[in-house]
Amino acid sequence: MVSLLLRWPLFLLVLAASLLAAADVKKETPPLEMTKTERRLLELVNKERTKADLPALQPHPLLFKAARAHSANMAKQRKMEHVLDGKRPAQRVEEVGYDWGKVAENLITADQTDVPLERIVKSWMESKLHRENILLKDVTETGLGIATNAKGELYCTQIFARPRKKARAGK
């Protein structure tokens, strides 16, 4: 009976630690609901990757959160900038809790909101640096953000990322 009583606190401690660990995982990966426009834009970008024999980028909720916030901020300030309010893309993804190993970003703006998504991807593919980001071999995840402002201007952000490689236990 005494040994059972001594094991009970240990059991509760292990249970509490497990619940906290599960809560942390949930906190890091909120559910993602993509808009129809975001889904289509991701399909178009992944189509370009497929043409280059690269795997499709997987949508990541935290990267979408960072991209959406950056697009909204650019639309509000009417500035298309990779560094806005003193924050670079890597700082923005860290701010939302993404543990990155590599980060890159494409931006685009238009003076109208009804720009065909195909034209956005075509513009990116015709730009050397934007094309290189879309065709990066060592990124696996992405986030998109599309925002418009009161003037009807569109601002779009796509973040390309690879999570940091975790050290294996015992190494």
C-alpha atoms as a PDB file:
ATOM      1  CA  MET A   1       0.000   0.000   0.000  1.00  0.00           C
ATOM      2  CA  VAL A   2       2.830   2.383   0.861  1.00  0.00           C
ATOM      3  CA  SER A   3       4.609   1.793  -2.469  1.00  0.00           C
ATOM      4  CA  LEU A   4       1.347   2.481  -4.314  1.00  0.00           C
ATOM      5  CA  LEU A   5       0.989   5.787  -2.463  1.00  0.00           C
ATOM      6  CA  LEU A   6       4.564   6.730  -3.354  1.00  0.00           C
ATOM      7  CA  ARG A   7       3.980   5.992  -7.049  1.00  0.00           C
ATOM      8  CA  TRP A   8       0.777   8.062  -7.251  1.00  0.00           C
ATOM      9  CA  PRO A   9       2.522  11.490  -7.162  1.00  0.00           C
ATOM     10  CA  LEU A  10       4.982  10.267  -9.792  1.00  0.00           C
ATOM     11  CA  PHE A  11       2.080   9.144 -12.000  1.00  0.00           C
ATOM     12  CA  LEU A  12       0.397  12.548 -11.612  1.00  0.00           C
ATOM     13  CA  LEU A  13       3.634  14.335 -12.438  1.00  0.00           C
ATOM     14  CA  VAL A  14       4.121  12.291 -15.626  1.00  0.00           C
ATOM     15  CA  LEU A  15       0.478  12.832 -16.596  1.00  0.00           C
ATOM     16  CA  ALA A  16       0.747  16.601 -16.055  1.00  0.00           C
ATOM     17  CA  ALA A  17       3.963  16.791 -18.104  1.00  0.00           C
ATOM     18  CA  SER A  18       2.310  14.865 -20.941  1.00  0.00           C
ATOM     19  CA  LEU A  19      -0.688  17.177 -20.956  1.00  0.00           C
ATOM     20  CA  LEU A  20       1.543  20.268 -20.981  1.00  0.00           C
ATOM     21  CA  ALA A  21       3.599  18.861 -23.859  1.00  0.00           C
ATOM     22  CA  ALA A  22       0.413  18.157 -25.828  1.00  0.00           C
ATOM     23  CA  ALA A  23      -0.816  21.704 -25.131  1.00  0.00           C
ATOM     24  CA  ASP A  24       2.486  23.147 -26.424  1.00  0.00           C
ATOM     25  CA  VAL A  25       2.180  21.192 -29.680  1.00  0.00           C
ATOM     26  CA  LYS A  26      -1.378  22.475 -30.160  1.00  0.00           C
ATOM     27  CA  LYS A  27      -0.230  26.020 -29.400  1.00  0.00           C
ATOM     28  CA  GLU A  28       2.547  25.828 -32.014  1.00  0.00           C
ATOM     29  CA  THR A  29       0.327  24.556 -34.824  1.00  0.00           C
ATOM     30  CA  PRO A  30      -3.029  26.322 -34.890  1.00  0.00           C
ATOM     31  CA  PRO A  31      -5.547  25.037 -37.411  1.00  0.00           C
ATOM     32  CA  LEU A  32      -5.246  26.503 -40.892  1.00  0.00           C
ATOM     33  CA  GLU A  33      -8.132  27.586 -43.044  1.00  0.00           C
ATOM     34  CA  MET A  34      -6.984  28.790 -46.427  1.00  0.00           C
ATOM     35  CA  THR A  35      -9.130  31.045 -48.560  1.00  0.00           C
ATOM     36  CA  LYS A  36     -10.035  29.937 -52.069  1.00  0.00           C
ATOM     37  CA  THR A  37      -7.596  32.523 -53.425  1.00  0.00           C
ATOM     38  CA  GLU A  38      -4.746  31.315 -51.196  1.00  0.00           C
ATOM     39  CA  ARG A  39      -5.411  27.693 -52.197  1.00  0.00           C
ATOM     40  CA  ARG A  40      -5.325  28.608 -55.890  1.00  0.00           C
ATOM     41  CA  LEU A  41      -2.137  30.656 -55.546  1.00  0.00           C
ATOM     42  CA  LEU A  42      -0.451  27.767 -53.736  1.00  0.00           C
ATOM     43  CA  GLU A  43      -1.592  25.375 -56.494  1.00  0.00           C
ATOM     44  CA  LEU A  44      -0.047  27.637 -59.132  1.00  0.00           C
ATOM     45  CA  VAL A  45       3.266  27.924 -57.271  1.00  0.00           C
ATOM     46  CA  ASN A  46       3.375  24.170 -56.686  1.00  0.00           C
ATOM     47  CA  LYS A  47       2.674  23.620 -60.392  1.00  0.00           C
ATOM     48  CA  GLU A  48       5.896  25.523 -61.145  1.00  0.00           C
ATOM     49  CA  ARG A  49       7.765  23.391 -58.612  1.00  0.00           C
ATOM     50  CA  THR A  50       6.376  20.218 -60.198  1.00  0.00           C
ATOM     51  CA  LYS A  51       7.648  21.351 -63.617  1.00  0.00           C
ATOM     52  CA  ALA A  52      11.122  21.559 -62.034  1.00  0.00           C
ATOM     53  CA  ASP A  53      10.765  18.078 -60.426  1.00  0.00           C
ATOM     54  CA  LEU A  54      10.532  19.577 -56.944  1.00  0.00           C
ATOM     55  CA  PRO A  55       8.106  18.483 -54.231  1.00  0.00           C
ATOM     56  CA  ALA A  56       5.056  20.593 -53.485  1.00  0.00           C
ATOM     57  CA  LEU A  57       5.308  23.105 -50.662  1.00  0.00           C
ATOM     58  CA  GLN A  58       3.118  22.263 -47.684  1.00  0.00           C
ATOM     59  CA  PRO A  59       1.019  25.023 -46.114  1.00  0.00           C
ATOM     60  CA  HIS A  60       2.025  25.803 -42.522  1.00  0.00           C
ATOM     61  CA  PRO A  61      -0.353  27.727 -40.225  1.00  0.00           C
ATOM     62  CA  LEU A  62       2.364  29.817 -38.574  1.00  0.00           C
ATOM     63  CA  LEU A  63       3.841  30.841 -41.919  1.00  0.00           C
ATOM     64  CA  PHE A  64       0.362  31.821 -43.131  1.00  0.00           C
ATOM     65  CA  LYS A  65      -0.072  33.879 -39.970  1.00  0.00           C
ATOM     66  CA  ALA A  66       3.208  35.726 -40.624  1.00  0.00           C
ATOM     67  CA  ALA A  67       2.502  36.227 -44.353  1.00  0.00           C
ATOM     68  CA  ARG A  68      -1.047  37.458 -43.761  1.00  0.00           C
ATOM     69  CA  ALA A  69       0.117  39.918 -41.099  1.00  0.00           C
ATOM     70  CA  HIS A  70       2.902  41.238 -43.323  1.00  0.00           C
ATOM     71  CA  SER A  71       0.558  41.732 -46.293  1.00  0.00           C
ATOM     72  CA  ALA A  72      -1.955  43.530 -44.069  1.00  0.00           C
ATOM     73  CA  ASN A  73       0.806  45.755 -42.673  1.00  0.00           C
ATOM     74  CA  MET A  74       2.131  46.578 -46.150  1.00  0.00           C
ATOM     75  CA  ALA A  75      -1.416  47.389 -47.343  1.00  0.00           C
ATOM     76  CA  LYS A  76      -1.995  49.624 -44.326  1.00  0.00           C
ATOM     77  CA  GLN A  77       1.289  51.496 -44.796  1.00  0.00           C
ATOM     78  CA  ARG A  78       1.106  51.372 -48.615  1.00  0.00           C
ATOM     79  CA  LYS A  79       4.696  50.073 -48.753  1.00  0.00           C
ATOM     80  CA  MET A  80       5.965  46.891 -50.369  1.00  0.00           C
ATOM     81  CA  GLU A  81       9.059  46.101 -48.324  1.00  0.00           C
ATOM     82  CA  HIS A  82      10.844  42.951 -47.150  1.00  0.00           C
ATOM     83  CA  VAL A  83      12.004  44.929 -44.110  1.00  0.00           C
ATOM     84  CA  LEU A  84       9.063  46.767 -42.585  1.00  0.00           C
ATOM     85  CA  ASP A  85       8.928  48.280 -39.115  1.00  0.00           C
ATOM     86  CA  GLY A  86      12.538  47.121 -38.710  1.00  0.00           C
ATOM     87  CA  LYS A  87      11.611  43.424 -39.072  1.00  0.00           C
ATOM     88  CA  ARG A  88      13.024  41.043 -41.647  1.00  0.00           C
ATOM     89  CA  PRO A  89      11.175  37.905 -42.839  1.00  0.00           C
ATOM     90  CA  ALA A  90      13.057  35.656 -40.390  1.00  0.00           C
ATOM     91  CA  GLN A  91      12.136  37.942 -37.489  1.00  0.00           C
ATOM     92  CA  ARG A  92       8.474  37.889 -38.512  1.00  0.00           C
ATOM     93  CA  VAL A  93       8.327  34.091 -38.654  1.00  0.00           C
ATOM     94  CA  GLU A  94      10.104  33.833 -35.300  1.00  0.00           C
ATOM     95  CA  GLU A  95       7.581  36.273 -33.856  1.00  0.00           C
ATOM     96  CA  VAL A  96       4.700  33.895 -34.688  1.00  0.00           C
ATOM     97  CA  GLY A  97       6.581  30.921 -33.205  1.00  0.00           C
ATOM     98  CA  TYR A  98       7.999  29.167 -36.285  1.00  0.00           C
ATOM     99  CA  ASP A  99      11.377  27.540 -35.576  1.00  0.00           C
ATOM    100  CA  TRP A 100      13.070  28.098 -38.927  1.00  0.00           C
ATOM    101  CA  GLY A 101      16.180  26.668 -40.534  1.00  0.00           C
ATOM    102  CA  LYS A 102      15.747  28.639 -43.773  1.00  0.00           C
ATOM    103  CA  VAL A 103      13.407  31.472 -44.782  1.00  0.00           C
ATOM    104  CA  ALA A 104      12.835  33.324 -48.051  1.00  0.00           C
ATOM    105  CA  GLU A 105      10.065  35.647 -49.168  1.00  0.00           C
ATOM    106  CA  ASN A 106       8.361  36.857 -52.338  1.00  0.00           C
ATOM    107  CA  LEU A 107       6.266  40.020 -52.443  1.00  0.00           C
ATOM    108  CA  ILE A 108       4.121  41.641 -55.083  1.00  0.00           C
ATOM    109  CA  THR A 109       1.736  44.563 -55.237  1.00  0.00           C
ATOM    110  CA  ALA A 110      -0.847  45.729 -57.748  1.00  0.00           C
ATOM    111  CA  ASP A 111      -3.002  48.818 -58.001  1.00  0.00           C
ATOM    112  CA  GLN A 112      -6.119  46.690 -58.366  1.00  0.00           C
ATOM    113  CA  THR A 113      -7.563  43.746 -56.468  1.00  0.00           C
ATOM    114  CA  ASP A 114      -8.747  41.687 -59.432  1.00  0.00           C
ATOM    115  CA  VAL A 115      -5.282  40.774 -60.730  1.00  0.00           C
ATOM    116  CA  PRO A 116      -5.344  37.199 -62.062  1.00  0.00           C
ATOM    117  CA  LEU A 117      -3.330  34.908 -59.809  1.00  0.00           C
ATOM    118  CA  GLU A 118      -1.687  33.432 -62.886  1.00  0.00           C
ATOM    119  CA  ARG A 119      -0.235  36.884 -63.611  1.00  0.00           C
ATOM    120  CA  ILE A 120       1.224  37.075 -60.091  1.00  0.00           C
ATOM    121  CA  VAL A 121       2.984  33.727 -60.466  1.00  0.00           C
ATOM    122  CA  LYS A 122       4.082  34.609 -64.013  1.00  0.00           C
ATOM    123  CA  SER A 123       5.637  37.861 -62.704  1.00  0.00           C
ATOM    124  CA  TRP A 124       7.456  35.961 -59.976  1.00  0.00           C
ATOM    125  CA  MET A 125       8.709  33.338 -62.446  1.00  0.00           C
ATOM    126  CA  GLU A 126       9.993  36.054 -64.805  1.00  0.00           C
ATOM    127  CA  SER A 127      12.023  37.627 -61.990  1.00  0.00           C
ATOM    128  CA  LYS A 128      15.335  35.848 -61.322  1.00  0.00           C
ATOM    129  CA  LEU A 129      15.255  36.198 -57.508  1.00  0.00           C
ATOM    130  CA  HIS A 130      11.548  35.414 -57.135  1.00  0.00           C
ATOM    131  CA  ARG A 131      11.903  32.386 -59.412  1.00  0.00           C
ATOM    132  CA  GLU A 132      14.856  31.161 -57.357  1.00  0.00           C
ATOM    133  CA  ASN A 133      12.742  31.376 -54.191  1.00  0.00           C
ATOM    134  CA  ILE A 134       9.872  29.420 -55.752  1.00  0.00           C
ATOM    135  CA  LEU A 135      12.324  26.752 -56.941  1.00  0.00           C
ATOM    136  CA  LEU A 136      14.397  26.472 -53.749  1.00  0.00           C
ATOM    137  CA  LYS A 137      15.228  22.809 -53.229  1.00  0.00           C
ATOM    138  CA  ASP A 138      15.710  23.012 -49.480  1.00  0.00           C
ATOM    139  CA  VAL A 139      12.381  24.547 -48.443  1.00  0.00           C
ATOM    140  CA  THR A 140       9.361  22.397 -47.621  1.00  0.00           C
ATOM    141  CA  GLU A 141       6.701  24.707 -46.198  1.00  0.00           C
ATOM    142  CA  THR A 142       4.991  27.927 -47.155  1.00  0.00           C
ATOM    143  CA  GLY A 143       2.639  30.642 -46.017  1.00  0.00           C
ATOM    144  CA  LEU A 144       0.637  33.105 -48.086  1.00  0.00           C
ATOM    145  CA  GLY A 145      -1.005  36.407 -47.299  1.00  0.00           C
ATOM    146  CA  ILE A 146      -3.111  38.598 -49.561  1.00  0.00           C
ATOM    147  CA  ALA A 147      -4.460  41.955 -48.399  1.00  0.00           C
ATOM    148  CA  THR A 148      -6.075  45.003 -49.927  1.00  0.00           C
ATOM    149  CA  ASN A 149      -6.315  48.519 -48.607  1.00  0.00           C
ATOM    150  CA  ALA A 150      -8.946  51.252 -48.865  1.00  0.00           C
ATOM    151  CA  LYS A 151      -7.365  52.481 -52.117  1.00  0.00           C
ATOM    152  CA  GLY A 152      -7.991  49.077 -53.740  1.00  0.00           C
ATOM    153  CA  GLU A 153      -4.317  48.135 -53.853  1.00  0.00           C
ATOM    154  CA  LEU A 154      -3.373  44.480 -53.472  1.00  0.00           C
ATOM    155  CA  TYR A 155      -0.359  43.283 -51.455  1.00  0.00           C
ATOM    156  CA  CYS A 156       0.780  39.674 -51.521  1.00  0.00           C
ATOM    157  CA  THR A 157       3.407  37.838 -49.473  1.00  0.00           C
ATOM    158  CA  GLN A 158       4.658  34.291 -49.889  1.00  0.00           C
ATOM    159  CA  ILE A 159       7.041  32.875 -47.310  1.00  0.00           C
ATOM    160  CA  PHE A 160       9.160  29.842 -48.145  1.00  0.00           C
ATOM    161  CA  ALA A 161      10.676  27.963 -45.218  1.00  0.00           C
ATOM    162  CA  ARG A 162      12.255  24.872 -43.825  1.00  0.00           C
ATOM    163  CA  PRO A 163      11.955  24.129 -40.132  1.00  0.00           C
ATOM    164  CA  ARG A 164      15.118  23.891 -38.058  1.00  0.00           C
ATOM    165  CA  LYS A 165      16.473  20.370 -37.900  1.00  0.00           C
ATOM    166  CA  LYS A 166      16.049  19.008 -34.402  1.00  0.00           C
ATOM    167  CA  ALA A 167      19.022  17.321 -32.785  1.00  0.00           C
ATOM    168  CA  ARG A 168      18.425  13.594 -32.362  1.00  0.00           C
ATOM    169  CA  ALA A 169      18.252  12.239 -28.845  1.00  0.00           C
ATOM    170  CA  GLY A 170      21.587  10.932 -27.609  1.00  0.00           C
ATOM    171  CA  LYS A 171      23.674  12.942 -30.087  1.00  0.00           C
END
